[in-house]
């Protein structure tokens, strides 16, 4: 599978672009990362103000829940702006701690900022810097995938180095396996190939890893 993926599928069958494969693919999406439950469609207004102001070609919402009203707003925006691609997926992870960790990884990979319930975050005052970006994203019934995440390659490398140090420091198989998976997600989902220890080098965009 191209890029990196997390367990967290599409939140509604109405958001499926390719019904035969039950899959939606987005090109150059702006990505909202949160564990909030979006019950009121009006909560999404700051996001769409940014989407239209910045002329993003696609928007991906990663959230714990979207009401039918909020999903209808996404679909309405796509109908009103024919070139706009939209998708919404379940926040990866089970439980607050797992979800926070997955959102931190996605934020690092895409350059966004996770908006967390525990921190009292809301969508009010949303700024362009809060949104992540990737060359491509995909989602199906069960998974979310990121290809060419546009996060800071040096920040990604620093996190990989920390995870490798933690891997070396533990002998527990379960912990080592979990750390190895986290390292792989950061390496495979980045827009740039990152090599070496702390002297990270960006070898160029457009490199995809299987």
Foldseek 3Di string as FASTA:
>chain_A
DWAFKFWKFFQDLVQQPDPVQQKDKDFWEWEAAEAAAAEDLVLCVLVVVCCVVVVGQEYEYEYQYYHPNNVVVQVVVCVVPVRYRYTYIYQGDDDQVRSVVSSVLLCQQFQAAYAYVVVVGGSPPPDSSRIGTARMWMGGGTMIGAAARAHDQLSLLVVLLVLVVVLVVDDDPVSNVVSVSSSVNSQQRHQAHFDDHNPTDGPDGDDMDD
